[in-house]
Amino acid sequence: MISLNYRDSRPIYEQIKDGLRKLIVTGAIGTDEKLPSVRSLATQLSINPNTIQRAYNELEGEGYIYSVPGKGSFATGDPDADASRREELREKLRELLAELRYLGVSQEELMALLEEEPSGGAPAGGAGREGL
């Protein structure tokens, strides 16, 4: 499900958050599907439950999951739930594009990158590219 890289400079909770976000976005965790409990995921990954709780809290704040008291956390399945996340990713993309242009990558090469099949398996020309 989620693998942790202890050599990664990112904190563990961010790795968990990014891993769960990727599973939700790619459809590996379906809409309204229950996520593992904080305790079970902490046991599975051999880390502190507070780390899992922090990742879950942030995902809930971003709109990727919702919690039902006494029942657990569930995936929202709503790709439009987090407009601020989309804007954050657009800003990162702008920064990367500026750096690539500075390094001499041509407009044609950049366009070819946009047309490539993403590693997540979703088609490159799908919804969500508007406004880029």
N, C-alpha and C. Protein backbone atom coordinates (compact mmCIF):
# COMPACT_ATOMS: atom_id res chain seq x y z
N MET A 1 0.82 -1.19 0.00
CA MET A 1 0.00 0.00 0.00
C MET A 1 0.87 1.26 0.00
N ILE A 2 1.56 1.52 1.11
CA ILE A 2 2.42 2.68 1.23
C ILE A 2 3.81 2.22 1.64
N SER A 3 4.82 2.74 0.98
CA SER A 3 6.18 2.41 1.39
C SER A 3 6.87 3.69 1.84
N LEU A 4 7.66 3.57 2.89
CA LEU A 4 8.37 4.71 3.45
C LEU A 4 9.84 4.64 3.06
N ASN A 5 10.40 5.78 2.78
CA ASN A 5 11.82 5.88 2.46
C ASN A 5 12.47 6.72 3.56
N TYR A 6 13.21 6.07 4.43
CA TYR A 6 13.81 6.77 5.56
C TYR A 6 14.97 7.66 5.14
N ARG A 7 15.42 7.55 3.90
CA ARG A 7 16.47 8.43 3.39
C ARG A 7 15.89 9.67 2.72
N ASP A 8 14.58 9.67 2.52
CA ASP A 8 13.89 10.81 1.93
C ASP A 8 13.96 11.98 2.90
N SER A 9 14.18 13.18 2.39
CA SER A 9 14.27 14.35 3.25
C SER A 9 12.91 14.79 3.78
N ARG A 10 11.83 14.32 3.14
CA ARG A 10 10.49 14.69 3.58
C ARG A 10 10.14 13.96 4.88
N PRO A 11 9.39 14.61 5.75
CA PRO A 11 8.95 13.93 6.98
C PRO A 11 8.09 12.71 6.65
N ILE A 12 8.06 11.76 7.58
CA ILE A 12 7.30 10.52 7.38
C ILE A 12 5.82 10.81 7.14
N TYR A 13 5.23 11.76 7.89
CA TYR A 13 3.80 12.03 7.72
C TYR A 13 3.51 12.54 6.31
N GLU A 14 4.44 13.30 5.72
CA GLU A 14 4.24 13.78 4.35
C GLU A 14 4.33 12.63 3.36
N GLN A 15 5.23 11.69 3.59
CA GLN A 15 5.32 10.53 2.71
C GLN A 15 4.03 9.72 2.78
N ILE A 16 3.48 9.56 3.97
CA ILE A 16 2.21 8.83 4.13
C ILE A 16 1.09 9.59 3.43
N LYS A 17 1.04 10.89 3.67
CA LYS A 17 0.01 11.73 3.05
C LYS A 17 0.09 11.65 1.53
N ASP A 18 1.31 11.77 0.98
CA ASP A 18 1.47 11.71 -0.47
C ASP A 18 1.11 10.33 -1.02
N GLY A 19 1.47 9.28 -0.27
CA GLY A 19 1.14 7.92 -0.70
C GLY A 19 -0.36 7.69 -0.73
N LEU A 20 -1.05 8.13 0.31
CA LEU A 20 -2.51 7.97 0.35
C LEU A 20 -3.18 8.83 -0.71
N ARG A 21 -2.67 10.07 -0.90
CA ARG A 21 -3.24 10.95 -1.92
C ARG A 21 -3.13 10.30 -3.30
N LYS A 22 -1.97 9.70 -3.57
CA LYS A 22 -1.76 9.06 -4.86
C LYS A 22 -2.73 7.88 -5.04
N LEU A 23 -2.94 7.10 -3.98
CA LEU A 23 -3.87 5.97 -4.06
C LEU A 23 -5.29 6.45 -4.31
N ILE A 24 -5.67 7.57 -3.71
CA ILE A 24 -7.02 8.11 -3.91
C ILE A 24 -7.17 8.67 -5.32
N VAL A 25 -6.18 9.46 -5.75
CA VAL A 25 -6.25 10.10 -7.06
C VAL A 25 -6.25 9.08 -8.19
N THR A 26 -5.48 8.00 -8.05
CA THR A 26 -5.41 6.99 -9.11
C THR A 26 -6.57 6.01 -9.07
N GLY A 27 -7.39 6.09 -8.02
CA GLY A 27 -8.54 5.19 -7.93
C GLY A 27 -8.26 3.89 -7.22
N ALA A 28 -7.04 3.70 -6.73
CA ALA A 28 -6.72 2.48 -5.98
C ALA A 28 -7.54 2.41 -4.70
N ILE A 29 -7.85 3.57 -4.13
CA ILE A 29 -8.80 3.68 -3.03
C ILE A 29 -10.01 4.39 -3.61
N GLY A 30 -11.13 3.70 -3.65
CA GLY A 30 -12.32 4.23 -4.30
C GLY A 30 -13.09 5.22 -3.45
N THR A 31 -14.03 5.88 -4.07
CA THR A 31 -14.90 6.83 -3.40
C THR A 31 -15.62 6.15 -2.25
N ASP A 32 -15.62 6.80 -1.11
CA ASP A 32 -16.27 6.32 0.11
C ASP A 32 -15.69 5.01 0.65
N GLU A 33 -14.52 4.62 0.15
CA GLU A 33 -13.85 3.43 0.67
C GLU A 33 -13.16 3.78 1.98
N LYS A 34 -13.27 2.89 2.94
CA LYS A 34 -12.69 3.11 4.27
C LYS A 34 -11.18 2.95 4.21
N LEU A 35 -10.48 3.91 4.81
CA LEU A 35 -9.03 3.83 4.94
C LEU A 35 -8.69 2.97 6.15
N PRO A 36 -7.49 2.43 6.19
CA PRO A 36 -7.10 1.67 7.38
C PRO A 36 -7.17 2.56 8.62
N SER A 37 -7.47 1.97 9.76
CA SER A 37 -7.51 2.76 10.98
C SER A 37 -6.11 3.29 11.27
N VAL A 38 -6.06 4.36 12.05
CA VAL A 38 -4.78 4.95 12.42
C VAL A 38 -3.90 3.90 13.09
N ARG A 39 -4.49 3.16 14.02
CA ARG A 39 -3.72 2.17 14.77
C ARG A 39 -3.21 1.05 13.86
N SER A 40 -4.07 0.54 12.97
CA SER A 40 -3.63 -0.57 12.12
C SER A 40 -2.56 -0.15 11.12
N LEU A 41 -2.69 1.06 10.55
CA LEU A 41 -1.67 1.54 9.62
C LEU A 41 -0.35 1.82 10.34
N ALA A 42 -0.45 2.35 11.56
CA ALA A 42 0.76 2.59 12.35
C ALA A 42 1.47 1.27 12.66
N THR A 43 0.70 0.25 12.99
CA THR A 43 1.29 -1.06 13.26
C THR A 43 1.92 -1.64 11.99
N GLN A 44 1.20 -1.52 10.88
CA GLN A 44 1.68 -2.05 9.60
C GLN A 44 2.98 -1.39 9.19
N LEU A 45 3.10 -0.07 9.40
CA LEU A 45 4.29 0.67 8.98
C LEU A 45 5.34 0.78 10.10
N SER A 46 5.00 0.28 11.27
CA SER A 46 5.89 0.33 12.44
C SER A 46 6.30 1.76 12.79
N ILE A 47 5.31 2.63 12.85
CA ILE A 47 5.56 4.02 13.23
C ILE A 47 4.53 4.47 14.26
N ASN A 48 4.74 5.63 14.83
CA ASN A 48 3.87 6.18 15.85
C ASN A 48 2.49 6.51 15.27
N PRO A 49 1.40 6.14 15.97
CA PRO A 49 0.06 6.47 15.48
C PRO A 49 -0.17 7.98 15.31
N ASN A 50 0.52 8.81 16.09
CA ASN A 50 0.36 10.26 15.93
C ASN A 50 0.82 10.73 14.54
N THR A 51 1.79 10.03 13.98
CA THR A 51 2.28 10.37 12.63
C THR A 51 1.18 10.10 11.60
N ILE A 52 0.52 8.96 11.74
CA ILE A 52 -0.59 8.62 10.84
C ILE A 52 -1.73 9.62 11.02
N GLN A 53 -2.05 9.94 12.27
CA GLN A 53 -3.14 10.89 12.56
C GLN A 53 -2.86 12.24 11.92
N ARG A 54 -1.61 12.69 11.96
CA ARG A 54 -1.27 13.97 11.34
C ARG A 54 -1.49 13.93 9.83
N ALA A 55 -1.08 12.82 9.20
CA ALA A 55 -1.29 12.68 7.75
C ALA A 55 -2.79 12.68 7.43
N TYR A 56 -3.57 11.94 8.23
CA TYR A 56 -5.02 11.88 8.01
C TYR A 56 -5.65 13.27 8.20
N ASN A 57 -5.22 13.99 9.25
CA ASN A 57 -5.78 15.33 9.49
C ASN A 57 -5.50 16.27 8.32
N GLU A 58 -4.29 16.20 7.78
CA GLU A 58 -3.95 17.07 6.66
C GLU A 58 -4.72 16.68 5.40
N LEU A 59 -4.86 15.38 5.16
CA LEU A 59 -5.64 14.94 4.00
C LEU A 59 -7.09 15.37 4.13
N GLU A 60 -7.62 15.34 5.35
CA GLU A 60 -8.99 15.79 5.55
C GLU A 60 -9.10 17.29 5.31
N GLY A 61 -8.11 18.04 5.78
CA GLY A 61 -8.09 19.48 5.53
C GLY A 61 -8.00 19.83 4.06
N GLU A 62 -7.34 18.97 3.29
CA GLU A 62 -7.19 19.19 1.85
C GLU A 62 -8.40 18.68 1.07
N GLY A 63 -9.29 17.96 1.73
CA GLY A 63 -10.51 17.49 1.06
C GLY A 63 -10.40 16.13 0.41
N TYR A 64 -9.35 15.37 0.67
CA TYR A 64 -9.19 14.06 0.06
C TYR A 64 -9.90 12.97 0.85
N ILE A 65 -10.06 13.18 2.15
CA ILE A 65 -10.75 12.19 2.97
C ILE A 65 -11.72 12.91 3.91
N TYR A 66 -12.64 12.15 4.48
CA TYR A 66 -13.52 12.68 5.51
C TYR A 66 -13.62 11.65 6.62
N SER A 67 -13.90 12.13 7.82
CA SER A 67 -13.99 11.25 8.98
C SER A 67 -15.42 11.15 9.47
N VAL A 68 -15.78 9.96 9.91
CA VAL A 68 -17.06 9.73 10.55
C VAL A 68 -16.74 9.25 11.96
N PRO A 69 -17.13 10.05 12.98
CA PRO A 69 -16.81 9.66 14.35
C PRO A 69 -17.28 8.24 14.68
N GLY A 70 -16.37 7.45 15.21
CA GLY A 70 -16.69 6.08 15.59
C GLY A 70 -16.64 5.09 14.44
N LYS A 71 -16.51 5.57 13.21
CA LYS A 71 -16.50 4.69 12.03
C LYS A 71 -15.15 4.67 11.33
N GLY A 72 -14.45 5.81 11.29
CA GLY A 72 -13.15 5.87 10.63
C GLY A 72 -13.08 6.96 9.58
N SER A 73 -12.06 6.84 8.73
CA SER A 73 -11.82 7.81 7.66
C SER A 73 -12.10 7.16 6.32
N PHE A 74 -12.63 7.97 5.39
CA PHE A 74 -13.05 7.48 4.09
C PHE A 74 -12.56 8.42 3.00
N ALA A 75 -12.30 7.87 1.82
CA ALA A 75 -11.87 8.68 0.67
C ALA A 75 -13.07 9.44 0.11
N THR A 76 -12.86 10.71 -0.24
CA THR A 76 -13.96 11.49 -0.79
C THR A 76 -14.21 11.14 -2.25
N GLY A 77 -13.15 10.89 -3.00
CA GLY A 77 -13.32 10.60 -4.41
C GLY A 77 -13.70 11.81 -5.23
N ASP A 78 -13.62 12.98 -4.65
CA ASP A 78 -13.99 14.22 -5.33
C ASP A 78 -12.73 14.93 -5.82
N PRO A 79 -12.40 14.84 -7.13
CA PRO A 79 -11.17 15.45 -7.62
C PRO A 79 -11.17 16.97 -7.52
N ASP A 80 -12.34 17.58 -7.36
CA ASP A 80 -12.40 19.04 -7.26
C ASP A 80 -12.42 19.52 -5.81
N ALA A 81 -12.21 18.60 -4.87
CA ALA A 81 -12.32 18.94 -3.45
C ALA A 81 -11.24 19.90 -3.00
N ASP A 82 -10.14 19.99 -3.71
CA ASP A 82 -9.04 20.79 -3.22
C ASP A 82 -8.49 21.74 -4.27
N ALA A 83 -9.17 22.84 -4.47
CA ALA A 83 -8.71 23.82 -5.45
C ALA A 83 -7.38 24.42 -5.04
N SER A 84 -7.15 24.57 -3.74
CA SER A 84 -5.88 25.15 -3.30
C SER A 84 -4.71 24.21 -3.62
N ARG A 85 -4.95 22.89 -3.54
CA ARG A 85 -3.89 21.93 -3.89
C ARG A 85 -3.56 22.04 -5.37
N ARG A 86 -4.58 22.19 -6.21
CA ARG A 86 -4.34 22.36 -7.65
C ARG A 86 -3.52 23.61 -7.91
N GLU A 87 -3.85 24.68 -7.22
CA GLU A 87 -3.11 25.93 -7.42
C GLU A 87 -1.67 25.78 -6.94
N GLU A 88 -1.48 25.08 -5.85
CA GLU A 88 -0.14 24.82 -5.33
C GLU A 88 0.68 24.03 -6.35
N LEU A 89 0.07 23.02 -6.96
CA LEU A 89 0.78 22.23 -7.97
C LEU A 89 1.06 23.04 -9.23
N ARG A 90 0.13 23.91 -9.60
CA ARG A 90 0.36 24.79 -10.75
C ARG A 90 1.56 25.70 -10.50
N GLU A 91 1.67 26.23 -9.27
CA GLU A 91 2.79 27.10 -8.95
C GLU A 91 4.10 26.33 -9.01
N LYS A 92 4.11 25.09 -8.50
CA LYS A 92 5.31 24.26 -8.60
C LYS A 92 5.67 24.01 -10.05
N LEU A 93 4.65 23.78 -10.88
CA LEU A 93 4.88 23.54 -12.30
C LEU A 93 5.49 24.78 -12.96
N ARG A 94 4.96 25.96 -12.60
CA ARG A 94 5.51 27.20 -13.16
C ARG A 94 6.99 27.34 -12.79
N GLU A 95 7.33 27.03 -11.54
CA GLU A 95 8.72 27.12 -11.10
C GLU A 95 9.60 26.13 -11.87
N LEU A 96 9.10 24.91 -12.05
CA LEU A 96 9.87 23.91 -12.79
C LEU A 96 10.04 24.33 -14.25
N LEU A 97 8.99 24.86 -14.85
CA LEU A 97 9.08 25.31 -16.24
C LEU A 97 10.10 26.44 -16.38
N ALA A 98 10.09 27.37 -15.44
CA ALA A 98 11.06 28.47 -15.49
C ALA A 98 12.48 27.93 -15.39
N GLU A 99 12.70 26.96 -14.52
CA GLU A 99 14.04 26.40 -14.37
C GLU A 99 14.44 25.63 -15.63
N LEU A 100 13.51 24.86 -16.19
CA LEU A 100 13.82 24.11 -17.41
C LEU A 100 14.14 25.06 -18.57
N ARG A 101 13.39 26.16 -18.67
CA ARG A 101 13.69 27.14 -19.73
C ARG A 101 15.06 27.77 -19.51
N TYR A 102 15.39 28.06 -18.26
CA TYR A 102 16.69 28.62 -17.93
C TYR A 102 17.81 27.66 -18.34
N LEU A 103 17.54 26.37 -18.21
CA LEU A 103 18.54 25.36 -18.55
C LEU A 103 18.56 25.04 -20.05
N GLY A 104 17.75 25.76 -20.82
CA GLY A 104 17.82 25.62 -22.27
C GLY A 104 16.86 24.63 -22.89
N VAL A 105 15.88 24.17 -22.15
CA VAL A 105 14.89 23.24 -22.71
C VAL A 105 13.95 24.06 -23.60
N SER A 106 13.73 23.58 -24.80
CA SER A 106 12.92 24.33 -25.76
C SER A 106 11.43 24.18 -25.47
N GLN A 107 10.65 25.09 -26.05
CA GLN A 107 9.19 25.06 -25.93
C GLN A 107 8.64 23.72 -26.45
N GLU A 108 9.22 23.23 -27.54
CA GLU A 108 8.77 21.96 -28.12
C GLU A 108 9.01 20.80 -27.17
N GLU A 109 10.17 20.80 -26.51
CA GLU A 109 10.47 19.74 -25.55
C GLU A 109 9.52 19.79 -24.36
N LEU A 110 9.20 21.01 -23.91
CA LEU A 110 8.26 21.15 -22.80
C LEU A 110 6.87 20.65 -23.19
N MET A 111 6.44 20.97 -24.40
CA MET A 111 5.13 20.50 -24.87
C MET A 111 5.11 18.97 -24.98
N ALA A 112 6.22 18.40 -25.42
CA ALA A 112 6.31 16.94 -25.52
C ALA A 112 6.19 16.31 -24.13
N LEU A 113 6.76 16.95 -23.11
CA LEU A 113 6.63 16.45 -21.74
C LEU A 113 5.17 16.45 -21.29
N LEU A 114 4.45 17.50 -21.65
CA LEU A 114 3.03 17.58 -21.27
C LEU A 114 2.20 16.48 -21.94
N GLU A 115 2.60 16.06 -23.11
CA GLU A 115 1.86 15.05 -23.85
C GLU A 115 2.20 13.63 -23.44
N GLU A 116 3.28 13.45 -22.67
CA GLU A 116 3.69 12.10 -22.25
C GLU A 116 2.64 11.47 -21.35
N GLU A 117 2.58 10.15 -21.39
CA GLU A 117 1.71 9.39 -20.50
C GLU A 117 2.24 9.50 -19.08
N PRO A 118 1.42 9.95 -18.12
CA PRO A 118 1.90 10.02 -16.74
C PRO A 118 2.15 8.64 -16.17
N SER A 119 3.06 8.55 -15.21
CA SER A 119 3.41 7.26 -14.63
C SER A 119 2.28 6.67 -13.82
N GLY A 120 1.29 7.48 -13.40
CA GLY A 120 0.18 6.99 -12.60
C GLY A 120 -0.80 6.16 -13.38
N GLY A 121 -0.75 6.18 -14.73
CA GLY A 121 -1.62 5.36 -15.54
C GLY A 121 -2.83 6.10 -16.09
N ALA A 122 -3.10 7.32 -15.62
CA ALA A 122 -4.23 8.08 -16.15
C ALA A 122 -3.83 8.69 -17.48
N PRO A 123 -4.74 8.82 -18.44
CA PRO A 123 -4.39 9.40 -19.72
C PRO A 123 -3.97 10.85 -19.59
N ALA A 124 -3.01 11.25 -20.42
CA ALA A 124 -2.45 12.60 -20.35
C ALA A 124 -3.48 13.65 -20.74
N GLY A 125 -4.40 13.35 -21.61
CA GLY A 125 -5.34 14.33 -22.11
C GLY A 125 -6.62 14.38 -21.34
N GLY A 126 -6.66 13.82 -20.16
CA GLY A 126 -7.89 13.72 -19.39
C GLY A 126 -8.29 15.04 -18.75
N ALA A 127 -9.35 14.96 -17.97
CA ALA A 127 -9.86 16.15 -17.29
C ALA A 127 -8.85 16.64 -16.30
N GLY A 128 -8.94 17.92 -15.98
CA GLY A 128 -8.05 18.48 -14.99
C GLY A 128 -6.89 19.25 -15.57
N ARG A 129 -6.73 19.26 -16.89
CA ARG A 129 -5.63 19.98 -17.50
C ARG A 129 -6.03 21.38 -17.88
N GLU A 130 -7.31 21.70 -17.79
CA GLU A 130 -7.73 23.03 -18.18
C GLU A 130 -7.10 24.07 -17.30
N GLY A 131 -6.73 25.17 -17.88
CA GLY A 131 -6.15 26.27 -17.13
C GLY A 131 -4.65 26.17 -16.91
N LEU A 132 -4.00 25.11 -17.42
CA LEU A 132 -2.55 25.02 -17.26
C LEU A 132 -1.84 25.80 -18.32
